[in-house]
N, C-alpha and C. Protein backbone atom coordinates (compact mmCIF):
# COMPACT_ATOMS: atom_id res chain seq x y z
N MET A 1 15.38 12.80 3.61
CA MET A 1 15.64 11.40 3.93
C MET A 1 15.23 11.09 5.37
N LYS A 2 15.56 12.03 6.28
CA LYS A 2 15.21 11.81 7.68
C LYS A 2 13.70 11.79 7.86
N ASN A 3 13.01 12.58 7.06
CA ASN A 3 11.55 12.62 7.11
C ASN A 3 10.95 11.28 6.69
N GLN A 4 11.52 10.65 5.68
CA GLN A 4 11.01 9.36 5.23
C GLN A 4 11.28 8.26 6.25
N ILE A 5 12.42 8.33 6.94
CA ILE A 5 12.72 7.34 7.97
C ILE A 5 11.72 7.45 9.11
N THR A 6 11.37 8.67 9.50
CA THR A 6 10.39 8.82 10.57
C THR A 6 9.01 8.34 10.12
N LYS A 7 8.67 8.56 8.84
CA LYS A 7 7.39 8.06 8.33
C LYS A 7 7.36 6.53 8.35
N VAL A 8 8.46 5.91 7.95
CA VAL A 8 8.53 4.45 7.96
C VAL A 8 8.42 3.93 9.39
N LEU A 9 9.11 4.57 10.32
CA LEU A 9 9.05 4.15 11.72
C LEU A 9 7.65 4.31 12.28
N GLN A 10 6.99 5.43 11.97
CA GLN A 10 5.62 5.63 12.44
C GLN A 10 4.68 4.60 11.84
N LEU A 11 4.80 4.36 10.55
CA LEU A 11 3.96 3.34 9.91
C LEU A 11 4.20 1.96 10.50
N PHE A 12 5.47 1.65 10.80
CA PHE A 12 5.79 0.35 11.37
C PHE A 12 5.17 0.18 12.75
N LEU A 13 5.28 1.21 13.58
CA LEU A 13 4.70 1.13 14.92
C LEU A 13 3.17 1.02 14.86
N ILE A 14 2.56 1.81 13.99
CA ILE A 14 1.10 1.75 13.85
C ILE A 14 0.68 0.38 13.31
N SER A 15 1.44 -0.14 12.35
CA SER A 15 1.12 -1.46 11.78
C SER A 15 1.20 -2.55 12.83
N ASN A 16 2.23 -2.50 13.66
CA ASN A 16 2.34 -3.52 14.71
C ASN A 16 1.24 -3.39 15.74
N MET A 17 0.83 -2.17 16.05
CA MET A 17 -0.31 -2.01 16.96
C MET A 17 -1.56 -2.60 16.34
N ILE A 18 -1.75 -2.38 15.04
CA ILE A 18 -2.91 -2.94 14.34
C ILE A 18 -2.85 -4.47 14.34
N ILE A 19 -1.66 -5.02 14.14
CA ILE A 19 -1.51 -6.48 14.15
C ILE A 19 -1.91 -7.05 15.50
N PHE A 20 -1.44 -6.44 16.58
CA PHE A 20 -1.78 -6.94 17.91
C PHE A 20 -3.26 -6.72 18.23
N LEU A 21 -3.82 -5.57 17.81
CA LEU A 21 -5.24 -5.33 18.04
C LEU A 21 -6.11 -6.32 17.25
N LEU A 22 -5.74 -6.58 16.01
CA LEU A 22 -6.49 -7.57 15.24
C LEU A 22 -6.41 -8.96 15.86
N SER A 23 -5.24 -9.28 16.40
CA SER A 23 -5.08 -10.56 17.07
C SER A 23 -5.99 -10.66 18.29
N LEU A 24 -6.05 -9.58 19.05
CA LEU A 24 -6.91 -9.59 20.23
C LEU A 24 -8.38 -9.59 19.86
N LEU A 25 -8.75 -8.80 18.87
CA LEU A 25 -10.16 -8.70 18.51
C LEU A 25 -10.68 -9.96 17.81
N MET A 26 -9.88 -10.53 16.95
CA MET A 26 -10.35 -11.68 16.17
C MET A 26 -10.20 -13.00 16.92
N TYR A 27 -9.09 -13.18 17.62
CA TYR A 27 -8.80 -14.48 18.23
C TYR A 27 -8.79 -14.46 19.75
N ARG A 28 -8.91 -13.29 20.35
CA ARG A 28 -8.93 -13.11 21.81
C ARG A 28 -7.64 -13.58 22.48
N SER A 29 -6.55 -13.62 21.74
CA SER A 29 -5.26 -13.97 22.33
C SER A 29 -4.14 -13.43 21.44
N ILE A 30 -2.95 -13.45 21.99
CA ILE A 30 -1.77 -13.04 21.25
C ILE A 30 -0.78 -14.20 21.30
N SER A 31 -0.36 -14.63 20.13
CA SER A 31 0.64 -15.68 20.07
C SER A 31 1.56 -15.40 18.88
N LEU A 32 2.65 -16.12 18.84
CA LEU A 32 3.61 -15.93 17.75
C LEU A 32 3.01 -16.34 16.42
N LEU A 33 2.25 -17.42 16.41
CA LEU A 33 1.63 -17.88 15.18
C LEU A 33 0.60 -16.87 14.66
N LEU A 34 -0.17 -16.28 15.56
CA LEU A 34 -1.13 -15.26 15.15
C LEU A 34 -0.41 -14.03 14.61
N TYR A 35 0.70 -13.65 15.25
CA TYR A 35 1.49 -12.52 14.76
C TYR A 35 1.99 -12.80 13.35
N ILE A 36 2.45 -14.01 13.10
CA ILE A 36 2.96 -14.38 11.78
C ILE A 36 1.85 -14.29 10.75
N ASN A 37 0.69 -14.85 11.05
CA ASN A 37 -0.42 -14.87 10.10
C ASN A 37 -0.92 -13.47 9.76
N ILE A 38 -1.16 -12.67 10.78
CA ILE A 38 -1.71 -11.33 10.55
C ILE A 38 -0.67 -10.41 9.93
N SER A 39 0.58 -10.51 10.35
CA SER A 39 1.61 -9.64 9.77
C SER A 39 1.86 -9.95 8.31
N PHE A 40 1.63 -11.19 7.90
CA PHE A 40 1.75 -11.52 6.48
C PHE A 40 0.72 -10.74 5.67
N TYR A 41 -0.51 -10.72 6.13
CA TYR A 41 -1.56 -10.00 5.41
C TYR A 41 -1.31 -8.49 5.40
N ILE A 42 -0.90 -7.95 6.54
CA ILE A 42 -0.66 -6.50 6.63
C ILE A 42 0.53 -6.11 5.76
N GLY A 43 1.62 -6.87 5.83
CA GLY A 43 2.81 -6.57 5.01
C GLY A 43 2.52 -6.70 3.53
N ALA A 44 1.77 -7.74 3.15
CA ALA A 44 1.42 -7.91 1.74
C ALA A 44 0.51 -6.78 1.27
N LEU A 45 -0.38 -6.32 2.13
CA LEU A 45 -1.24 -5.20 1.78
C LEU A 45 -0.43 -3.93 1.52
N PHE A 46 0.54 -3.65 2.39
CA PHE A 46 1.39 -2.48 2.19
C PHE A 46 2.19 -2.58 0.89
N ILE A 47 2.73 -3.73 0.61
CA ILE A 47 3.50 -3.89 -0.63
C ILE A 47 2.59 -3.77 -1.85
N PHE A 48 1.40 -4.36 -1.79
CA PHE A 48 0.46 -4.26 -2.90
C PHE A 48 0.06 -2.81 -3.16
N VAL A 49 -0.26 -2.07 -2.10
CA VAL A 49 -0.66 -0.67 -2.25
C VAL A 49 0.49 0.15 -2.82
N SER A 50 1.71 -0.09 -2.33
CA SER A 50 2.85 0.70 -2.82
C SER A 50 3.14 0.39 -4.28
N LEU A 51 3.02 -0.86 -4.69
CA LEU A 51 3.25 -1.19 -6.10
C LEU A 51 2.13 -0.64 -6.99
N LEU A 52 0.91 -0.64 -6.49
CA LEU A 52 -0.19 -0.05 -7.23
C LEU A 52 0.01 1.46 -7.40
N LEU A 53 0.40 2.14 -6.34
CA LEU A 53 0.66 3.58 -6.42
C LEU A 53 1.83 3.87 -7.36
N LEU A 54 2.85 3.05 -7.32
CA LEU A 54 4.00 3.23 -8.21
C LEU A 54 3.59 3.05 -9.67
N THR A 55 2.73 2.09 -9.93
CA THR A 55 2.26 1.86 -11.30
C THR A 55 1.41 3.04 -11.79
N ILE A 56 0.56 3.55 -10.93
CA ILE A 56 -0.28 4.69 -11.32
C ILE A 56 0.57 5.93 -11.53
N LYS A 57 1.52 6.19 -10.62
CA LYS A 57 2.37 7.37 -10.74
C LYS A 57 3.28 7.32 -11.96
N SER A 58 3.59 6.13 -12.46
CA SER A 58 4.46 6.03 -13.62
C SER A 58 3.77 6.42 -14.92
N GLY A 59 2.45 6.57 -14.90
CA GLY A 59 1.72 6.97 -16.09
C GLY A 59 1.20 5.80 -16.90
N PHE A 60 1.22 4.63 -16.33
CA PHE A 60 0.79 3.42 -17.04
C PHE A 60 -0.68 3.50 -17.46
N PHE A 61 -1.53 4.07 -16.63
CA PHE A 61 -2.96 4.11 -16.91
C PHE A 61 -3.41 5.40 -17.59
N ASP A 62 -2.50 6.30 -17.90
CA ASP A 62 -2.88 7.59 -18.48
C ASP A 62 -3.53 7.44 -19.85
N GLN A 63 -2.95 6.66 -20.72
CA GLN A 63 -3.51 6.50 -22.06
C GLN A 63 -4.85 5.76 -22.03
N VAL A 64 -4.97 4.79 -21.14
CA VAL A 64 -6.25 4.07 -21.01
C VAL A 64 -7.32 5.04 -20.52
N THR A 65 -6.97 5.89 -19.57
CA THR A 65 -7.92 6.86 -19.05
C THR A 65 -8.34 7.84 -20.13
N LYS A 66 -7.38 8.33 -20.90
CA LYS A 66 -7.72 9.25 -22.00
C LYS A 66 -8.65 8.59 -23.00
N SER A 67 -8.38 7.35 -23.33
CA SER A 67 -9.22 6.63 -24.30
C SER A 67 -10.63 6.43 -23.78
N PHE A 68 -10.78 6.04 -22.52
CA PHE A 68 -12.10 5.86 -21.94
C PHE A 68 -12.86 7.18 -21.89
N ARG A 69 -12.16 8.25 -21.59
CA ARG A 69 -12.82 9.55 -21.55
C ARG A 69 -13.33 9.96 -22.93
N LYS A 70 -12.54 9.67 -23.96
CA LYS A 70 -12.98 10.01 -25.31
C LYS A 70 -14.17 9.16 -25.74
N VAL A 71 -14.15 7.89 -25.41
CA VAL A 71 -15.22 6.99 -25.82
C VAL A 71 -16.51 7.27 -25.06
N PHE A 72 -16.43 7.47 -23.76
CA PHE A 72 -17.62 7.61 -22.94
C PHE A 72 -18.01 9.05 -22.64
N ALA A 73 -17.40 10.01 -23.31
CA ALA A 73 -17.76 11.41 -23.10
C ALA A 73 -19.15 11.67 -23.65
N GLY A 74 -19.85 12.55 -22.99
CA GLY A 74 -21.19 12.89 -23.45
C GLY A 74 -21.15 13.74 -24.71
N LYS A 75 -22.30 13.97 -25.27
CA LYS A 75 -22.37 14.76 -26.50
C LYS A 75 -22.01 16.22 -26.27
N ASN A 76 -22.23 16.70 -25.06
CA ASN A 76 -21.96 18.11 -24.76
C ASN A 76 -20.53 18.35 -24.32
N THR A 77 -19.71 17.33 -24.19
CA THR A 77 -18.33 17.46 -23.74
C THR A 77 -17.44 17.72 -24.95
N THR A 78 -16.63 18.77 -24.85
CA THR A 78 -15.74 19.10 -25.96
C THR A 78 -14.42 18.37 -25.80
N LYS A 79 -13.67 18.34 -26.89
CA LYS A 79 -12.36 17.68 -26.87
C LYS A 79 -11.40 18.41 -25.93
N LYS A 80 -11.53 19.72 -25.85
CA LYS A 80 -10.67 20.51 -24.96
C LYS A 80 -10.94 20.17 -23.50
N GLU A 81 -12.20 19.98 -23.14
CA GLU A 81 -12.54 19.61 -21.76
C GLU A 81 -11.97 18.25 -21.40
N ILE A 82 -11.99 17.33 -22.36
CA ILE A 82 -11.44 16.00 -22.10
C ILE A 82 -9.94 16.07 -21.88
N GLU A 83 -9.25 16.89 -22.68
CA GLU A 83 -7.80 17.01 -22.55
C GLU A 83 -7.38 17.73 -21.27
N GLU A 84 -8.26 18.59 -20.74
CA GLU A 84 -7.93 19.34 -19.53
C GLU A 84 -8.15 18.55 -18.26
N MET A 85 -8.84 17.42 -18.33
CA MET A 85 -9.07 16.60 -17.14
C MET A 85 -7.75 16.06 -16.62
N THR A 86 -7.60 16.01 -15.30
CA THR A 86 -6.35 15.52 -14.72
C THR A 86 -6.22 14.02 -14.93
N LEU A 87 -5.00 13.62 -15.17
CA LEU A 87 -4.70 12.21 -15.37
C LEU A 87 -4.42 11.55 -14.02
N PRO A 88 -4.55 10.23 -13.94
CA PRO A 88 -4.28 9.54 -12.66
C PRO A 88 -2.86 9.77 -12.15
N SER A 89 -1.88 9.85 -13.04
CA SER A 89 -0.50 10.06 -12.59
C SER A 89 -0.29 11.45 -12.01
N GLN A 90 -1.10 12.40 -12.42
CA GLN A 90 -0.99 13.76 -11.90
C GLN A 90 -1.76 13.95 -10.61
N SER A 91 -2.74 13.12 -10.35
CA SER A 91 -3.59 13.30 -9.18
C SER A 91 -3.05 12.64 -7.92
N ILE A 92 -2.06 11.78 -8.05
CA ILE A 92 -1.52 11.09 -6.88
C ILE A 92 -0.21 11.76 -6.47
N SER A 93 -0.18 12.22 -5.22
CA SER A 93 1.02 12.87 -4.72
C SER A 93 1.59 12.16 -3.49
N ILE A 94 1.13 10.96 -3.22
CA ILE A 94 1.60 10.20 -2.06
C ILE A 94 2.97 9.61 -2.37
N GLN A 95 3.87 9.66 -1.38
CA GLN A 95 5.18 9.04 -1.56
C GLN A 95 5.05 7.53 -1.36
N VAL A 96 5.65 6.80 -2.26
CA VAL A 96 5.51 5.34 -2.29
C VAL A 96 6.52 4.66 -1.37
N LEU A 97 7.70 5.23 -1.24
CA LEU A 97 8.79 4.57 -0.52
C LEU A 97 8.45 4.20 0.93
N PRO A 98 7.81 5.06 1.73
CA PRO A 98 7.48 4.63 3.10
C PRO A 98 6.57 3.41 3.15
N PHE A 99 5.59 3.32 2.25
CA PHE A 99 4.71 2.16 2.24
C PHE A 99 5.46 0.89 1.85
N LEU A 100 6.31 1.01 0.84
CA LEU A 100 7.08 -0.15 0.39
C LEU A 100 8.05 -0.62 1.47
N MET A 101 8.76 0.31 2.08
CA MET A 101 9.72 -0.05 3.12
C MET A 101 9.01 -0.65 4.33
N ASN A 102 7.86 -0.09 4.69
CA ASN A 102 7.11 -0.64 5.82
C ASN A 102 6.66 -2.06 5.54
N GLY A 103 6.16 -2.31 4.34
CA GLY A 103 5.75 -3.66 3.99
C GLY A 103 6.90 -4.64 4.02
N LEU A 104 8.06 -4.22 3.52
CA LEU A 104 9.22 -5.10 3.53
C LEU A 104 9.72 -5.36 4.95
N ILE A 105 9.69 -4.35 5.79
CA ILE A 105 10.13 -4.53 7.19
C ILE A 105 9.17 -5.44 7.93
N ILE A 106 7.87 -5.26 7.73
CA ILE A 106 6.90 -6.13 8.38
C ILE A 106 7.10 -7.58 7.93
N LEU A 107 7.31 -7.77 6.63
CA LEU A 107 7.54 -9.14 6.15
C LEU A 107 8.86 -9.70 6.66
N ALA A 108 9.87 -8.86 6.86
CA ALA A 108 11.14 -9.33 7.44
C ALA A 108 10.93 -9.76 8.89
N PHE A 109 10.15 -9.00 9.64
CA PHE A 109 9.84 -9.39 11.02
C PHE A 109 9.01 -10.67 11.04
N MET A 110 8.10 -10.81 10.07
CA MET A 110 7.31 -12.02 9.97
C MET A 110 8.20 -13.23 9.70
N MET A 111 9.18 -13.05 8.81
CA MET A 111 10.10 -14.15 8.50
C MET A 111 10.95 -14.52 9.73
N ALA A 112 11.38 -13.51 10.49
CA ALA A 112 12.15 -13.79 11.71
C ALA A 112 11.27 -14.54 12.72
N ALA A 113 10.01 -14.11 12.85
CA ALA A 113 9.09 -14.80 13.77
C ALA A 113 8.81 -16.21 13.28
N LEU A 114 8.74 -16.41 11.98
CA LEU A 114 8.54 -17.73 11.41
C LEU A 114 9.73 -18.64 11.70
N TYR A 115 10.92 -18.09 11.60
CA TYR A 115 12.15 -18.85 11.92
C TYR A 115 12.13 -19.24 13.39
N ILE A 116 11.78 -18.30 14.26
CA ILE A 116 11.73 -18.61 15.70
C ILE A 116 10.67 -19.65 15.98
N HIS A 117 9.54 -19.55 15.33
CA HIS A 117 8.43 -20.49 15.57
C HIS A 117 8.83 -21.93 15.20
N TYR A 118 9.51 -22.10 14.12
CA TYR A 118 9.84 -23.46 13.67
C TYR A 118 11.14 -24.01 14.26
N ASN A 119 11.99 -23.19 14.80
CA ASN A 119 13.27 -23.68 15.31
C ASN A 119 13.37 -23.67 16.83
N PHE A 120 12.44 -23.08 17.53
CA PHE A 120 12.56 -23.06 18.99
C PHE A 120 11.32 -23.56 19.66
């Protein structure tokens, strides 16, 4: 658990550095509105990637992959070779929770910045 918290913290710090660097590189300035805009895209990207990884790890695409392999297998490919190929759910070993938590934290900071922007 402590390892995942440190991964989330590292991802959060790296993400915020990327947000500020993108703000400087693209707009040549740093402002609250730019932080809100860029952090929305970065947070949404993290959540999208984590949900995609979760879907793949759950085995959702395994049967589709097996079917495509059977249909598009060459003439020299045996049924045993097709069955021995690794499935997408077996090939992904990345932990999803740090990406999901980082995306949610970035979006929470974005919402706080949005509240500050419109109320102060």
